[in-house]
Amino acid sequence: MLSQLLGPRYAQLLQTWTPTLVTWGGVAGVGVIWATDWKLVLQYVPYIGGKFKTED
């Protein structure tokens, strides 16, 4: 299917580069969380979110 859509050469290149792209995407995601308000993101993680509960 993929080789029919892109061609065999590009399908092979995509298959080769997929682990690298996934790794760098994960690094970028962690970098965005680190650079922004991390409590805003981590409040939705089940175990960690309990640390940020505030009593109003």
PDB file of N, CA and C in Angstrom:
ATOM      1  N   MET A   1       0.834  -1.197   0.000  1.00  0.00           N
ATOM      2  CA  MET A   1       0.000   0.000   0.000  1.00  0.00           C
ATOM      3  C   MET A   1       0.871   1.249   0.000  1.00  0.00           C
ATOM      4  N   LEU A   2       1.800   1.336   0.936  1.00  0.00           N
ATOM      5  CA  LEU A   2       2.646   2.526   1.034  1.00  0.00           C
ATOM      6  C   LEU A   2       3.553   2.659  -0.172  1.00  0.00           C
ATOM      7  N   SER A   3       4.097   1.546  -0.652  1.00  0.00           N
ATOM      8  CA  SER A   3       4.972   1.617  -1.819  1.00  0.00           C
ATOM      9  C   SER A   3       4.197   2.000  -3.071  1.00  0.00           C
ATOM     10  N   GLN A   4       2.905   1.657  -3.149  1.00  0.00           N
ATOM     11  CA  GLN A   4       2.083   2.070  -4.296  1.00  0.00           C
ATOM     12  C   GLN A   4       1.803   3.569  -4.249  1.00  0.00           C
ATOM     13  N   LEU A   5       1.658   4.110  -3.052  1.00  0.00           N
ATOM     14  CA  LEU A   5       1.341   5.525  -2.909  1.00  0.00           C
ATOM     15  C   LEU A   5       2.572   6.394  -3.127  1.00  0.00           C
ATOM     16  N   LEU A   6       3.697   6.023  -2.542  1.00  0.00           N
ATOM     17  CA  LEU A   6       4.900   6.835  -2.613  1.00  0.00           C
ATOM     18  C   LEU A   6       5.915   6.352  -3.637  1.00  0.00           C
ATOM     19  N   GLY A   7       5.929   5.105  -3.887  1.00  0.00           N
ATOM     20  CA  GLY A   7       6.977   4.505  -4.691  1.00  0.00           C
ATOM     21  C   GLY A   7       7.880   3.703  -3.777  1.00  0.00           C
ATOM     22  N   PRO A   8       8.540   2.681  -4.301  1.00  0.00           N
ATOM     23  CA  PRO A   8       9.322   1.798  -3.437  1.00  0.00           C
ATOM     24  C   PRO A   8      10.502   2.480  -2.760  1.00  0.00           C
ATOM     25  N   ARG A   9      11.139   3.418  -3.429  1.00  0.00           N
ATOM     26  CA  ARG A   9      12.303   4.094  -2.828  1.00  0.00           C
ATOM     27  C   ARG A   9      11.892   4.923  -1.615  1.00  0.00           C
ATOM     28  N   TYR A  10      10.828   5.702  -1.765  1.00  0.00           N
ATOM     29  CA  TYR A  10      10.395   6.550  -0.651  1.00  0.00           C
ATOM     30  C   TYR A  10       9.785   5.746   0.483  1.00  0.00           C
ATOM     31  N   ALA A  11       9.161   4.639   0.167  1.00  0.00           N
ATOM     32  CA  ALA A  11       8.636   3.760   1.213  1.00  0.00           C
ATOM     33  C   ALA A  11       9.796   3.186   2.034  1.00  0.00           C
ATOM     34  N   GLN A  12      10.882   2.806   1.373  1.00  0.00           N
ATOM     35  CA  GLN A  12      12.067   2.287   2.066  1.00  0.00           C
ATOM     36  C   GLN A  12      12.705   3.381   2.934  1.00  0.00           C
ATOM     37  N   LEU A  13      12.811   4.598   2.399  1.00  0.00           N
ATOM     38  CA  LEU A  13      13.373   5.700   3.184  1.00  0.00           C
ATOM     39  C   LEU A  13      12.521   6.008   4.407  1.00  0.00           C
ATOM     40  N   LEU A  14      11.209   6.009   4.234  1.00  0.00           N
ATOM     41  CA  LEU A  14      10.316   6.273   5.370  1.00  0.00           C
ATOM     42  C   LEU A  14      10.432   5.185   6.420  1.00  0.00           C
ATOM     43  N   GLN A  15      10.537   3.943   5.972  1.00  0.00           N
ATOM     44  CA  GLN A  15      10.677   2.834   6.914  1.00  0.00           C
ATOM     45  C   GLN A  15      11.997   2.937   7.671  1.00  0.00           C
ATOM     46  N   THR A  16      13.038   3.399   7.012  1.00  0.00           N
ATOM     47  CA  THR A  16      14.346   3.539   7.651  1.00  0.00           C
ATOM     48  C   THR A  16      14.354   4.684   8.666  1.00  0.00           C
ATOM     49  N   TRP A  17      13.698   5.790   8.335  1.00  0.00           N
ATOM     50  CA  TRP A  17      13.748   6.986   9.174  1.00  0.00           C
ATOM     51  C   TRP A  17      12.679   7.046  10.259  1.00  0.00           C
ATOM     52  N   THR A  18      11.715   6.149  10.263  1.00  0.00           N
ATOM     53  CA  THR A  18      10.628   6.205  11.240  1.00  0.00           C
ATOM     54  C   THR A  18      11.112   6.180  12.697  1.00  0.00           C
ATOM     55  N   PRO A  19      12.028   5.289  13.110  1.00  0.00           N
ATOM     56  CA  PRO A  19      12.465   5.321  14.512  1.00  0.00           C
ATOM     57  C   PRO A  19      13.140   6.639  14.906  1.00  0.00           C
ATOM     58  N   THR A  20      13.901   7.206  13.997  1.00  0.00           N
ATOM     59  CA  THR A  20      14.555   8.485  14.280  1.00  0.00           C
ATOM     60  C   THR A  20      13.529   9.600  14.424  1.00  0.00           C
ATOM     61  N   LEU A  21      12.552   9.624  13.533  1.00  0.00           N
ATOM     62  CA  LEU A  21      11.524  10.659  13.596  1.00  0.00           C
ATOM     63  C   LEU A  21      10.682  10.544  14.864  1.00  0.00           C
ATOM     64  N   VAL A  22      10.376   9.326  15.272  1.00  0.00           N
ATOM     65  CA  VAL A  22       9.605   9.115  16.506  1.00  0.00           C
ATOM     66  C   VAL A  22      10.414   9.569  17.716  1.00  0.00           C
ATOM     67  N   THR A  23      11.700   9.254  17.725  1.00  0.00           N
ATOM     68  CA  THR A  23      12.561   9.658  18.842  1.00  0.00           C
ATOM     69  C   THR A  23      12.642  11.173  18.953  1.00  0.00           C
ATOM     70  N   TRP A  24      12.914  11.844  17.841  1.00  0.00           N
ATOM     71  CA  TRP A  24      13.015  13.304  17.880  1.00  0.00           C
ATOM     72  C   TRP A  24      11.665  13.953  18.178  1.00  0.00           C
ATOM     73  N   GLY A  25      10.584  13.336  17.768  1.00  0.00           N
ATOM     74  CA  GLY A  25       9.266  13.849  18.121  1.00  0.00           C
ATOM     75  C   GLY A  25       9.014  13.766  19.623  1.00  0.00           C
ATOM     76  N   GLY A  26       9.463  12.660  20.236  1.00  0.00           N
ATOM     77  CA  GLY A  26       9.347  12.533  21.693  1.00  0.00           C
ATOM     78  C   GLY A  26      10.199  13.547  22.423  1.00  0.00           C
ATOM     79  N   VAL A  27      11.404  13.772  21.922  1.00  0.00           N
ATOM     80  CA  VAL A  27      12.288  14.782  22.528  1.00  0.00           C
ATOM     81  C   VAL A  27      11.663  16.166  22.415  1.00  0.00           C
ATOM     82  N   ALA A  28      11.088  16.460  21.269  1.00  0.00           N
ATOM     83  CA  ALA A  28      10.434  17.761  21.087  1.00  0.00           C
ATOM     84  C   ALA A  28       9.234  17.903  22.022  1.00  0.00           C
ATOM     85  N   GLY A  29       8.466  16.829  22.196  1.00  0.00           N
ATOM     86  CA  GLY A  29       7.324  16.882  23.104  1.00  0.00           C
ATOM     87  C   GLY A  29       7.739  17.145  24.543  1.00  0.00           C
ATOM     88  N   VAL A  30       8.786  16.459  24.992  1.00  0.00           N
ATOM     89  CA  VAL A  30       9.289  16.689  26.353  1.00  0.00           C
ATOM     90  C   VAL A  30       9.833  18.099  26.472  1.00  0.00           C
ATOM     91  N   GLY A  31      10.483  18.595  25.435  1.00  0.00           N
ATOM     92  CA  GLY A  31      11.008  19.965  25.456  1.00  0.00           C
ATOM     93  C   GLY A  31       9.904  21.000  25.565  1.00  0.00           C
ATOM     94  N   VAL A  32       8.802  20.771  24.877  1.00  0.00           N
ATOM     95  CA  VAL A  32       7.674  21.708  24.968  1.00  0.00           C
ATOM     96  C   VAL A  32       7.078  21.692  26.369  1.00  0.00           C
ATOM     97  N   ILE A  33       6.926  20.505  26.939  1.00  0.00           N
ATOM     98  CA  ILE A  33       6.403  20.419  28.310  1.00  0.00           C
ATOM     99  C   ILE A  33       7.356  21.091  29.287  1.00  0.00           C
ATOM    100  N   TRP A  34       8.651  20.907  29.092  1.00  0.00           N
ATOM    101  CA  TRP A  34       9.642  21.520  29.979  1.00  0.00           C
ATOM    102  C   TRP A  34       9.614  23.046  29.868  1.00  0.00           C
ATOM    103  N   ALA A  35       9.451  23.564  28.657  1.00  0.00           N
ATOM    104  CA  ALA A  35       9.494  25.005  28.441  1.00  0.00           C
ATOM    105  C   ALA A  35       8.197  25.704  28.846  1.00  0.00           C
ATOM    106  N   THR A  36       7.105  24.962  28.927  1.00  0.00           N
ATOM    107  CA  THR A  36       5.830  25.572  29.302  1.00  0.00           C
ATOM    108  C   THR A  36       5.546  25.279  30.772  1.00  0.00           C
ATOM    109  N   ASP A  37       4.356  25.594  31.178  1.00  0.00           N
ATOM    110  CA  ASP A  37       3.943  25.364  32.562  1.00  0.00           C
ATOM    111  C   ASP A  37       3.717  23.872  32.765  1.00  0.00           C
ATOM    112  N   TRP A  38       4.681  23.164  33.307  1.00  0.00           N
ATOM    113  CA  TRP A  38       4.618  21.704  33.427  1.00  0.00           C
ATOM    114  C   TRP A  38       3.532  21.248  34.377  1.00  0.00           C
ATOM    115  N   LYS A  39       3.149  22.050  35.338  1.00  0.00           N
ATOM    116  CA  LYS A  39       2.055  21.653  36.232  1.00  0.00           C
ATOM    117  C   LYS A  39       0.725  21.604  35.479  1.00  0.00           C
ATOM    118  N   LEU A  40       0.572  22.474  34.505  1.00  0.00           N
ATOM    119  CA  LEU A  40      -0.646  22.485  33.706  1.00  0.00           C
ATOM    120  C   LEU A  40      -0.810  21.179  32.946  1.00  0.00           C
ATOM    121  N   VAL A  41       0.307  20.618  32.462  1.00  0.00           N
ATOM    122  CA  VAL A  41       0.264  19.371  31.707  1.00  0.00           C
ATOM    123  C   VAL A  41       0.172  18.169  32.647  1.00  0.00           C
ATOM    124  N   LEU A  42       0.975  18.168  33.701  1.00  0.00           N
ATOM    125  CA  LEU A  42       1.066  16.999  34.572  1.00  0.00           C
ATOM    126  C   LEU A  42      -0.137  16.816  35.495  1.00  0.00           C
ATOM    127  N   GLN A  43      -1.008  17.788  35.608  1.00  0.00           N
ATOM    128  CA  GLN A  43      -2.190  17.606  36.455  1.00  0.00           C
ATOM    129  C   GLN A  43      -3.127  16.549  35.893  1.00  0.00           C
ATOM    130  N   TYR A  44      -2.998  16.212  34.612  1.00  0.00           N
ATOM    131  CA  TYR A  44      -3.848  15.206  33.989  1.00  0.00           C
ATOM    132  C   TYR A  44      -3.234  13.812  34.021  1.00  0.00           C
ATOM    133  N   VAL A  45      -2.003  13.660  34.495  1.00  0.00           N
ATOM    134  CA  VAL A  45      -1.386  12.341  34.638  1.00  0.00           C
ATOM    135  C   VAL A  45      -1.927  11.729  35.925  1.00  0.00           C
ATOM    136  N   PRO A  46      -2.460  10.502  35.879  1.00  0.00           N
ATOM    137  CA  PRO A  46      -3.205   9.976  37.025  1.00  0.00           C
ATOM    138  C   PRO A  46      -2.468  10.008  38.364  1.00  0.00           C
ATOM    139  N   TYR A  47      -1.278   9.461  38.474  1.00  0.00           N
ATOM    140  CA  TYR A  47      -0.611   9.374  39.772  1.00  0.00           C
ATOM    141  C   TYR A  47       0.014  10.705  40.179  1.00  0.00           C
ATOM    142  N   ILE A  48       0.640  11.373  39.240  1.00  0.00           N
ATOM    143  CA  ILE A  48       1.355  12.608  39.534  1.00  0.00           C
ATOM    144  C   ILE A  48       0.386  13.754  39.784  1.00  0.00           C
ATOM    145  N   GLY A  49      -0.787  13.710  39.152  1.00  0.00           N
ATOM    146  CA  GLY A  49      -1.745  14.799  39.266  1.00  0.00           C
ATOM    147  C   GLY A  49      -2.208  15.056  40.681  1.00  0.00           C
ATOM    148  N   GLY A  50      -2.194  14.060  41.551  1.00  0.00           N
ATOM    149  CA  GLY A  50      -2.615  14.247  42.935  1.00  0.00           C
ATOM    150  C   GLY A  50      -1.710  15.170  43.732  1.00  0.00           C
ATOM    151  N   LYS A  51      -0.478  15.344  43.296  1.00  0.00           N
ATOM    152  CA  LYS A  51       0.445  16.226  43.998  1.00  0.00           C
ATOM    153  C   LYS A  51       0.088  17.695  43.811  1.00  0.00           C
ATOM    154  N   PHE A  52      -0.676  18.030  42.778  1.00  0.00           N
ATOM    155  CA  PHE A  52      -0.942  19.424  42.465  1.00  0.00           C
ATOM    156  C   PHE A  52      -2.358  19.860  42.839  1.00  0.00           C
ATOM    157  N   LYS A  53      -3.060  19.040  43.615  1.00  0.00           N
ATOM    158  CA  LYS A  53      -4.414  19.416  44.020  1.00  0.00           C
ATOM    159  C   LYS A  53      -4.334  20.550  45.050  1.00  0.00           C
ATOM    160  N   THR A  54      -5.194  21.526  44.847  1.00  0.00           N
ATOM    161  CA  THR A  54      -5.255  22.641  45.796  1.00  0.00           C
ATOM    162  C   THR A  54      -6.632  22.637  46.449  1.00  0.00           C
ATOM    163  N   GLU A  55      -6.661  22.930  47.707  1.00  0.00           N
ATOM    164  CA  GLU A  55      -7.938  23.010  48.434  1.00  0.00           C
ATOM    165  C   GLU A  55      -8.406  24.458  48.375  1.00  0.00           C
ATOM    166  N   ASP A  56      -9.564  24.642  47.746  1.00  0.00           N
ATOM    167  CA  ASP A  56     -10.090  26.020  47.607  1.00  0.00           C
ATOM    168  C   ASP A  56     -10.988  26.371  48.747  1.00  0.00           C
TER     169      ASP A  56
END
